[in-house]
Amino acid sequence: MTQGTLLWLAALLIAIGALPFLSVGIASVILWANGCMGPDGLVPCALYDDDSSGVLANMLLAGWYAIISIPIGLIGIVLLIFAVAKRPAD
């Protein structure tokens, strides 16, 4: 496997590892900015005249995929370290 392929594979695995965190972060910012977070959790949230509470709640629940994606991201980090260490000295 070439060094370029290892770098692309490492970048892909790290991106897969980060996706659940991005989903939770985006949903949290949208909910916070629109005042949809109540003291008891989510309250009905209307964005663009449509109830988006279900979509945003699903984005928050996507954080549970981190259980699977964290090891995938760690494998990507190990591959990245391996690819950089394997690089010939200039």
PDB file of N, CA and C in Angstrom:
ATOM      1  N   MET A   1       0.847  -1.164   0.000  1.00  0.00           N
ATOM      2  CA  MET A   1       0.000   0.000   0.000  1.00  0.00           C
ATOM      3  C   MET A   1       0.898   1.235   0.000  1.00  0.00           C
ATOM      4  N   THR A   2       0.613   2.157  -0.896  1.00  0.00           N
ATOM      5  CA  THR A   2       1.449   3.342  -0.995  1.00  0.00           C
ATOM      6  C   THR A   2       1.150   4.311   0.139  1.00  0.00           C
ATOM      7  N   GLN A   3       2.062   5.254   0.296  1.00  0.00           N
ATOM      8  CA  GLN A   3       1.918   6.219   1.387  1.00  0.00           C
ATOM      9  C   GLN A   3       0.697   7.110   1.162  1.00  0.00           C
ATOM     10  N   GLY A   4       0.447   7.489  -0.083  1.00  0.00           N
ATOM     11  CA  GLY A   4      -0.714   8.319  -0.378  1.00  0.00           C
ATOM     12  C   GLY A   4      -2.016   7.600  -0.058  1.00  0.00           C
ATOM     13  N   THR A   5      -2.072   6.312  -0.361  1.00  0.00           N
ATOM     14  CA  THR A   5      -3.259   5.531  -0.046  1.00  0.00           C
ATOM     15  C   THR A   5      -3.457   5.421   1.459  1.00  0.00           C
ATOM     16  N   LEU A   6      -2.372   5.223   2.185  1.00  0.00           N
ATOM     17  CA  LEU A   6      -2.466   5.159   3.647  1.00  0.00           C
ATOM     18  C   LEU A   6      -2.966   6.475   4.233  1.00  0.00           C
ATOM     19  N   LEU A   7      -2.495   7.582   3.693  1.00  0.00           N
ATOM     20  CA  LEU A   7      -2.936   8.881   4.189  1.00  0.00           C
ATOM     21  C   LEU A   7      -4.421   9.102   3.921  1.00  0.00           C
ATOM     22  N   TRP A   8      -4.879   8.749   2.724  1.00  0.00           N
ATOM     23  CA  TRP A   8      -6.306   8.905   2.401  1.00  0.00           C
ATOM     24  C   TRP A   8      -7.166   7.986   3.264  1.00  0.00           C
ATOM     25  N   LEU A   9      -6.714   6.770   3.467  1.00  0.00           N
ATOM     26  CA  LEU A   9      -7.460   5.838   4.304  1.00  0.00           C
ATOM     27  C   LEU A   9      -7.515   6.333   5.744  1.00  0.00           C
ATOM     28  N   ALA A  10      -6.409   6.848   6.239  1.00  0.00           N
ATOM     29  CA  ALA A  10      -6.382   7.389   7.603  1.00  0.00           C
ATOM     30  C   ALA A  10      -7.322   8.578   7.722  1.00  0.00           C
ATOM     31  N   ALA A  11      -7.319   9.465   6.727  1.00  0.00           N
ATOM     32  CA  ALA A  11      -8.213  10.624   6.756  1.00  0.00           C
ATOM     33  C   ALA A  11      -9.676  10.201   6.726  1.00  0.00           C
ATOM     34  N   LEU A  12      -9.992   9.188   5.936  1.00  0.00           N
ATOM     35  CA  LEU A  12     -11.367   8.690   5.866  1.00  0.00           C
ATOM     36  C   LEU A  12     -11.805   8.088   7.193  1.00  0.00           C
ATOM     37  N   LEU A  13     -10.947   7.292   7.808  1.00  0.00           N
ATOM     38  CA  LEU A  13     -11.299   6.667   9.086  1.00  0.00           C
ATOM     39  C   LEU A  13     -11.439   7.703  10.202  1.00  0.00           C
ATOM     40  N   ILE A  14     -10.581   8.722  10.191  1.00  0.00           N
ATOM     41  CA  ILE A  14     -10.695   9.782  11.193  1.00  0.00           C
ATOM     42  C   ILE A  14     -11.991  10.569  10.983  1.00  0.00           C
ATOM     43  N   ALA A  15     -12.357  10.820   9.723  1.00  0.00           N
ATOM     44  CA  ALA A  15     -13.612  11.529   9.441  1.00  0.00           C
ATOM     45  C   ALA A  15     -14.818  10.713   9.898  1.00  0.00           C
ATOM     46  N   ILE A  16     -14.793   9.405   9.671  1.00  0.00           N
ATOM     47  CA  ILE A  16     -15.882   8.540  10.137  1.00  0.00           C
ATOM     48  C   ILE A  16     -15.956   8.573  11.659  1.00  0.00           C
ATOM     49  N   GLY A  17     -14.815   8.611  12.307  1.00  0.00           N
ATOM     50  CA  GLY A  17     -14.792   8.681  13.760  1.00  0.00           C
ATOM     51  C   GLY A  17     -15.348   9.988  14.302  1.00  0.00           C
ATOM     52  N   ALA A  18     -15.261  11.063  13.529  1.00  0.00           N
ATOM     53  CA  ALA A  18     -15.708  12.379  13.989  1.00  0.00           C
ATOM     54  C   ALA A  18     -17.168  12.672  13.660  1.00  0.00           C
ATOM     55  N   LEU A  19     -17.785  11.926  12.757  1.00  0.00           N
ATOM     56  CA  LEU A  19     -19.143  12.255  12.308  1.00  0.00           C
ATOM     57  C   LEU A  19     -20.189  12.317  13.422  1.00  0.00           C
ATOM     58  N   PRO A  20     -20.245  11.367  14.351  1.00  0.00           N
ATOM     59  CA  PRO A  20     -21.259  11.494  15.408  1.00  0.00           C
ATOM     60  C   PRO A  20     -21.080  12.752  16.257  1.00  0.00           C
ATOM     61  N   PHE A  21     -19.839  13.135  16.504  1.00  0.00           N
ATOM     62  CA  PHE A  21     -19.593  14.334  17.284  1.00  0.00           C
ATOM     63  C   PHE A  21     -20.030  15.587  16.534  1.00  0.00           C
ATOM     64  N   LEU A  22     -19.833  15.596  15.216  1.00  0.00           N
ATOM     65  CA  LEU A  22     -20.293  16.721  14.412  1.00  0.00           C
ATOM     66  C   LEU A  22     -21.811  16.812  14.422  1.00  0.00           C
ATOM     67  N   SER A  23     -22.486  15.671  14.320  1.00  0.00           N
ATOM     68  CA  SER A  23     -23.944  15.650  14.340  1.00  0.00           C
ATOM     69  C   SER A  23     -24.488  16.199  15.651  1.00  0.00           C
ATOM     70  N   VAL A  24     -23.934  15.758  16.755  1.00  0.00           N
ATOM     71  CA  VAL A  24     -24.382  16.235  18.067  1.00  0.00           C
ATOM     72  C   VAL A  24     -24.080  17.725  18.225  1.00  0.00           C
ATOM     73  N   GLY A  25     -22.927  18.148  17.780  1.00  0.00           N
ATOM     74  CA  GLY A  25     -22.563  19.553  17.887  1.00  0.00           C
ATOM     75  C   GLY A  25     -23.473  20.460  17.073  1.00  0.00           C
ATOM     76  N   ILE A  26     -23.753  20.066  15.835  1.00  0.00           N
ATOM     77  CA  ILE A  26     -24.630  20.865  14.977  1.00  0.00           C
ATOM     78  C   ILE A  26     -26.033  20.935  15.559  1.00  0.00           C
ATOM     79  N   ALA A  27     -26.569  19.792  16.001  1.00  0.00           N
ATOM     80  CA  ALA A  27     -27.912  19.772  16.590  1.00  0.00           C
ATOM     81  C   ALA A  27     -27.970  20.616  17.854  1.00  0.00           C
ATOM     82  N   SER A  28     -26.949  20.549  18.676  1.00  0.00           N
ATOM     83  CA  SER A  28     -26.930  21.324  19.917  1.00  0.00           C
ATOM     84  C   SER A  28     -26.917  22.819  19.636  1.00  0.00           C
ATOM     85  N   VAL A  29     -26.131  23.245  18.665  1.00  0.00           N
ATOM     86  CA  VAL A  29     -26.070  24.669  18.321  1.00  0.00           C
ATOM     87  C   VAL A  29     -27.414  25.142  17.774  1.00  0.00           C
ATOM     88  N   ILE A  30     -28.032  24.347  16.899  1.00  0.00           N
ATOM     89  CA  ILE A  30     -29.340  24.731  16.344  1.00  0.00           C
ATOM     90  C   ILE A  30     -30.384  24.816  17.451  1.00  0.00           C
ATOM     91  N   LEU A  31     -30.401  23.828  18.332  1.00  0.00           N
ATOM     92  CA  LEU A  31     -31.376  23.832  19.424  1.00  0.00           C
ATOM     93  C   LEU A  31     -31.148  25.001  20.374  1.00  0.00           C
ATOM     94  N   TRP A  32     -29.899  25.255  20.715  1.00  0.00           N
ATOM     95  CA  TRP A  32     -29.596  26.342  21.639  1.00  0.00           C
ATOM     96  C   TRP A  32     -29.932  27.694  21.024  1.00  0.00           C
ATOM     97  N   ALA A  33     -29.593  27.882  19.748  1.00  0.00           N
ATOM     98  CA  ALA A  33     -29.815  29.171  19.094  1.00  0.00           C
ATOM     99  C   ALA A  33     -31.301  29.489  18.934  1.00  0.00           C
ATOM    100  N   ASN A  34     -32.141  28.473  18.861  1.00  0.00           N
ATOM    101  CA  ASN A  34     -33.574  28.693  18.671  1.00  0.00           C
ATOM    102  C   ASN A  34     -34.379  28.542  19.950  1.00  0.00           C
ATOM    103  N   GLY A  35     -33.702  28.345  21.064  1.00  0.00           N
ATOM    104  CA  GLY A  35     -34.395  28.244  22.343  1.00  0.00           C
ATOM    105  C   GLY A  35     -35.240  26.998  22.483  1.00  0.00           C
ATOM    106  N   CYS A  36     -34.812  25.917  21.900  1.00  0.00           N
ATOM    107  CA  CYS A  36     -35.594  24.674  21.924  1.00  0.00           C
ATOM    108  C   CYS A  36     -35.167  23.723  23.032  1.00  0.00           C
ATOM    109  N   MET A  37     -34.230  24.128  23.850  1.00  0.00           N
ATOM    110  CA  MET A  37     -33.803  23.281  24.959  1.00  0.00           C
ATOM    111  C   MET A  37     -34.467  23.797  26.222  1.00  0.00           C
ATOM    112  N   GLY A  38     -35.363  22.996  26.768  1.00  0.00           N
ATOM    113  CA  GLY A  38     -36.025  23.365  28.006  1.00  0.00           C
ATOM    114  C   GLY A  38     -35.338  22.729  29.193  1.00  0.00           C
ATOM    115  N   PRO A  39     -35.818  23.021  30.396  1.00  0.00           N
ATOM    116  CA  PRO A  39     -35.198  22.423  31.587  1.00  0.00           C
ATOM    117  C   PRO A  39     -35.403  20.910  31.657  1.00  0.00           C
ATOM    118  N   ASP A  40     -36.428  20.411  31.002  1.00  0.00           N
ATOM    119  CA  ASP A  40     -36.703  18.975  31.010  1.00  0.00           C
ATOM    120  C   ASP A  40     -36.234  18.288  29.736  1.00  0.00           C
ATOM    121  N   GLY A  41     -35.482  18.966  28.918  1.00  0.00           N
ATOM    122  CA  GLY A  41     -35.017  18.382  27.662  1.00  0.00           C
ATOM    123  C   GLY A  41     -35.544  19.173  26.483  1.00  0.00           C
ATOM    124  N   LEU A  42     -35.833  18.467  25.408  1.00  0.00           N
ATOM    125  CA  LEU A  42     -36.294  19.121  24.194  1.00  0.00           C
ATOM    126  C   LEU A  42     -37.733  19.583  24.334  1.00  0.00           C
ATOM    127  N   VAL A  43     -38.007  20.733  23.771  1.00  0.00           N
ATOM    128  CA  VAL A  43     -39.370  21.235  23.654  1.00  0.00           C
ATOM    129  C   VAL A  43     -39.669  21.334  22.163  1.00  0.00           C
ATOM    130  N   PRO A  44     -40.936  21.380  21.762  1.00  0.00           N
ATOM    131  CA  PRO A  44     -41.231  21.489  20.328  1.00  0.00           C
ATOM    132  C   PRO A  44     -40.490  22.667  19.694  1.00  0.00           C
ATOM    133  N   CYS A  45     -39.897  22.402  18.576  1.00  0.00           N
ATOM    134  CA  CYS A  45     -39.031  23.388  17.936  1.00  0.00           C
ATOM    135  C   CYS A  45     -39.473  23.587  16.489  1.00  0.00           C
ATOM    136  N   ALA A  46     -39.870  24.802  16.160  1.00  0.00           N
ATOM    137  CA  ALA A  46     -40.311  25.109  14.798  1.00  0.00           C
ATOM    138  C   ALA A  46     -39.210  25.889  14.083  1.00  0.00           C
ATOM    139  N   LEU A  47     -38.688  25.298  13.041  1.00  0.00           N
ATOM    140  CA  LEU A  47     -37.709  25.950  12.193  1.00  0.00           C
ATOM    141  C   LEU A  47     -38.297  26.054  10.798  1.00  0.00           C
ATOM    142  N   TYR A  48     -38.323  27.244  10.263  1.00  0.00           N
ATOM    143  CA  TYR A  48     -38.878  27.476   8.930  1.00  0.00           C
ATOM    144  C   TYR A  48     -40.314  26.964   8.838  1.00  0.00           C
ATOM    145  N   ASP A  49     -41.116  27.271   9.839  1.00  0.00           N
ATOM    146  CA  ASP A  49     -42.540  26.901   9.905  1.00  0.00           C
ATOM    147  C   ASP A  49     -42.777  25.403   9.827  1.00  0.00           C
ATOM    148  N   ASP A  50     -41.846  24.626  10.328  1.00  0.00           N
ATOM    149  CA  ASP A  50     -41.988  23.172  10.333  1.00  0.00           C
ATOM    150  C   ASP A  50     -41.419  22.651  11.654  1.00  0.00           C
ATOM    151  N   ASP A  51     -42.085  21.658  12.241  1.00  0.00           N
ATOM    152  CA  ASP A  51     -41.604  21.089  13.495  1.00  0.00           C
ATOM    153  C   ASP A  51     -40.395  20.203  13.213  1.00  0.00           C
ATOM    154  N   SER A  52     -39.245  20.641  13.645  1.00  0.00           N
ATOM    155  CA  SER A  52     -37.998  19.928  13.385  1.00  0.00           C
ATOM    156  C   SER A  52     -37.488  19.188  14.609  1.00  0.00           C
ATOM    157  N   SER A  53     -38.307  19.038  15.620  1.00  0.00           N
ATOM    158  CA  SER A  53     -37.863  18.404  16.861  1.00  0.00           C
ATOM    159  C   SER A  53     -37.394  16.975  16.627  1.00  0.00           C
ATOM    160  N   GLY A  54     -38.093  16.226  15.800  1.00  0.00           N
ATOM    161  CA  GLY A  54     -37.730  14.835  15.554  1.00  0.00           C
ATOM    162  C   GLY A  54     -36.377  14.701  14.893  1.00  0.00           C
ATOM    163  N   VAL A  55     -36.126  15.523  13.891  1.00  0.00           N
ATOM    164  CA  VAL A  55     -34.841  15.465  13.184  1.00  0.00           C
ATOM    165  C   VAL A  55     -33.700  15.835  14.126  1.00  0.00           C
ATOM    166  N   LEU A  56     -33.901  16.896  14.911  1.00  0.00           N
ATOM    167  CA  LEU A  56     -32.851  17.331  15.821  1.00  0.00           C
ATOM    168  C   LEU A  56     -32.629  16.322  16.943  1.00  0.00           C
ATOM    169  N   ALA A  57     -33.705  15.700  17.414  1.00  0.00           N
ATOM    170  CA  ALA A  57     -33.544  14.667  18.442  1.00  0.00           C
ATOM    171  C   ALA A  57     -32.778  13.473  17.882  1.00  0.00           C
ATOM    172  N   ASN A  58     -33.053  13.107  16.642  1.00  0.00           N
ATOM    173  CA  ASN A  58     -32.304  12.008  16.017  1.00  0.00           C
ATOM    174  C   ASN A  58     -30.834  12.369  15.829  1.00  0.00           C
ATOM    175  N   MET A  59     -30.563  13.635  15.522  1.00  0.00           N
ATOM    176  CA  MET A  59     -29.168  14.060  15.400  1.00  0.00           C
ATOM    177  C   MET A  59     -28.459  13.968  16.746  1.00  0.00           C
ATOM    178  N   LEU A  60     -29.168  14.300  17.827  1.00  0.00           N
ATOM    179  CA  LEU A  60     -28.569  14.165  19.152  1.00  0.00           C
ATOM    180  C   LEU A  60     -28.334  12.702  19.504  1.00  0.00           C
ATOM    181  N   LEU A  61     -29.281  11.841  19.154  1.00  0.00           N
ATOM    182  CA  LEU A  61     -29.134  10.421  19.458  1.00  0.00           C
ATOM    183  C   LEU A  61     -28.056   9.747  18.617  1.00  0.00           C
ATOM    184  N   ALA A  62     -27.669  10.392  17.528  1.00  0.00           N
ATOM    185  CA  ALA A  62     -26.593   9.843  16.703  1.00  0.00           C
ATOM    186  C   ALA A  62     -25.272   9.815  17.454  1.00  0.00           C
ATOM    187  N   GLY A  63     -25.196  10.525  18.562  1.00  0.00           N
ATOM    188  CA  GLY A  63     -23.990  10.476  19.386  1.00  0.00           C
ATOM    189  C   GLY A  63     -23.696   9.085  19.904  1.00  0.00           C
ATOM    190  N   TRP A  64     -24.729   8.246  20.006  1.00  0.00           N
ATOM    191  CA  TRP A  64     -24.506   6.865  20.445  1.00  0.00           C
ATOM    192  C   TRP A  64     -23.693   6.071  19.432  1.00  0.00           C
ATOM    193  N   TYR A  65     -23.656   6.530  18.181  1.00  0.00           N
ATOM    194  CA  TYR A  65     -22.820   5.848  17.191  1.00  0.00           C
ATOM    195  C   TYR A  65     -21.335   6.047  17.491  1.00  0.00           C
ATOM    196  N   ALA A  66     -21.025   6.956  18.408  1.00  0.00           N
ATOM    197  CA  ALA A  66     -19.625   7.161  18.787  1.00  0.00           C
ATOM    198  C   ALA A  66     -19.032   5.899  19.405  1.00  0.00           C
ATOM    199  N   ILE A  67     -19.889   5.054  19.981  1.00  0.00           N
ATOM    200  CA  ILE A  67     -19.404   3.792  20.541  1.00  0.00           C
ATOM    201  C   ILE A  67     -18.706   2.967  19.457  1.00  0.00           C
ATOM    202  N   ILE A  68     -19.224   3.058  18.250  1.00  0.00           N
ATOM    203  CA  ILE A  68     -18.643   2.330  17.124  1.00  0.00           C
ATOM    204  C   ILE A  68     -17.563   3.159  16.434  1.00  0.00           C
ATOM    205  N   SER A  69     -17.802   4.455  16.319  1.00  0.00           N
ATOM    206  CA  SER A  69     -16.905   5.271  15.499  1.00  0.00           C
ATOM    207  C   SER A  69     -15.605   5.665  16.202  1.00  0.00           C
ATOM    208  N   ILE A  70     -15.587   5.698  17.522  1.00  0.00           N
ATOM    209  CA  ILE A  70     -14.335   6.050  18.209  1.00  0.00           C
ATOM    210  C   ILE A  70     -13.223   5.045  17.899  1.00  0.00           C
ATOM    211  N   PRO A  71     -13.475   3.728  17.990  1.00  0.00           N
ATOM    212  CA  PRO A  71     -12.402   2.799  17.604  1.00  0.00           C
ATOM    213  C   PRO A  71     -11.984   2.932  16.140  1.00  0.00           C
ATOM    214  N   ILE A  72     -12.936   3.241  15.259  1.00  0.00           N
ATOM    215  CA  ILE A  72     -12.594   3.429  13.850  1.00  0.00           C
ATOM    216  C   ILE A  72     -11.688   4.644  13.694  1.00  0.00           C
ATOM    217  N   GLY A  73     -11.999   5.730  14.395  1.00  0.00           N
ATOM    218  CA  GLY A  73     -11.160   6.918  14.357  1.00  0.00           C
ATOM    219  C   GLY A  73      -9.780   6.674  14.939  1.00  0.00           C
ATOM    220  N   LEU A  74      -9.711   5.871  15.993  1.00  0.00           N
ATOM    221  CA  LEU A  74      -8.402   5.544  16.583  1.00  0.00           C
ATOM    222  C   LEU A  74      -7.556   4.728  15.619  1.00  0.00           C
ATOM    223  N   ILE A  75      -8.186   3.825  14.891  1.00  0.00           N
ATOM    224  CA  ILE A  75      -7.449   3.065  13.866  1.00  0.00           C
ATOM    225  C   ILE A  75      -6.914   4.022  12.808  1.00  0.00           C
ATOM    226  N   GLY A  76      -7.718   5.010  12.436  1.00  0.00           N
ATOM    227  CA  GLY A  76      -7.261   6.015  11.479  1.00  0.00           C
ATOM    228  C   GLY A  76      -6.080   6.815  11.992  1.00  0.00           C
ATOM    229  N   ILE A  77      -6.089   7.153  13.276  1.00  0.00           N
ATOM    230  CA  ILE A  77      -4.966   7.887  13.863  1.00  0.00           C
ATOM    231  C   ILE A  77      -3.707   7.034  13.862  1.00  0.00           C
ATOM    232  N   VAL A  78      -3.842   5.753  14.183  1.00  0.00           N
ATOM    233  CA  VAL A  78      -2.686   4.847  14.156  1.00  0.00           C
ATOM    234  C   VAL A  78      -2.142   4.728  12.732  1.00  0.00           C
ATOM    235  N   LEU A  79      -3.028   4.612  11.740  1.00  0.00           N
ATOM    236  CA  LEU A  79      -2.573   4.554  10.345  1.00  0.00           C
ATOM    237  C   LEU A  79      -1.874   5.844   9.938  1.00  0.00           C
ATOM    238  N   LEU A  80      -2.388   6.978  10.401  1.00  0.00           N
ATOM    239  CA  LEU A  80      -1.761   8.258  10.084  1.00  0.00           C
ATOM    240  C   LEU A  80      -0.367   8.331  10.679  1.00  0.00           C
ATOM    241  N   ILE A  81      -0.213   7.908  11.921  1.00  0.00           N
ATOM    242  CA  ILE A  81       1.107   7.907  12.555  1.00  0.00           C
ATOM    243  C   ILE A  81       2.043   6.961  11.809  1.00  0.00           C
ATOM    244  N   PHE A  82       1.528   5.808  11.398  1.00  0.00           N
ATOM    245  CA  PHE A  82       2.338   4.844  10.653  1.00  0.00           C
ATOM    246  C   PHE A  82       2.757   5.414   9.329  1.00  0.00           C
ATOM    247  N   ALA A  83       1.850   6.093   8.611  1.00  0.00           N
ATOM    248  CA  ALA A  83       2.167   6.648   7.299  1.00  0.00           C
ATOM    249  C   ALA A  83       3.185   7.777   7.412  1.00  0.00           C
ATOM    250  N   VAL A  84       3.076   8.601   8.452  1.00  0.00           N
ATOM    251  CA  VAL A  84       4.029   9.710   8.624  1.00  0.00           C
ATOM    252  C   VAL A  84       5.389   9.162   9.039  1.00  0.00           C
ATOM    253  N   ALA A  85       5.415   8.149   9.890  1.00  0.00           N
ATOM    254  CA  ALA A  85       6.683   7.558  10.314  1.00  0.00           C
ATOM    255  C   ALA A  85       7.368   6.824   9.161  1.00  0.00           C
ATOM    256  N   LYS A  86       6.568   6.302   8.233  1.00  0.00           N
ATOM    257  CA  LYS A  86       7.115   5.555   7.108  1.00  0.00           C
ATOM    258  C   LYS A  86       7.655   6.469   6.029  1.00  0.00           C
ATOM    259  N   ARG A  87       7.293   7.755   6.088  1.00  0.00           N
ATOM    260  CA  ARG A  87       7.697   8.701   5.059  1.00  0.00           C
ATOM    261  C   ARG A  87       9.224   8.811   5.032  1.00  0.00           C
ATOM    262  N   PRO A  88       9.824   8.791   3.842  1.00  0.00           N
ATOM    263  CA  PRO A  88      11.287   8.917   3.758  1.00  0.00           C
ATOM    264  C   PRO A  88      11.713  10.332   4.164  1.00  0.00           C
ATOM    265  N   ALA A  89      12.866  10.430   4.760  1.00  0.00           N
ATOM    266  CA  ALA A  89      13.405  11.727   5.187  1.00  0.00           C
ATOM    267  C   ALA A  89      13.781  12.544   3.963  1.00  0.00           C
ATOM    268  N   ASP A  90      13.479  13.829   4.022  1.00  0.00           N
ATOM    269  CA  ASP A  90      13.810  14.709   2.892  1.00  0.00           C
ATOM    270  C   ASP A  90      15.213  15.238   3.000  1.00  0.00           C
TER     271      ASP A  90
END
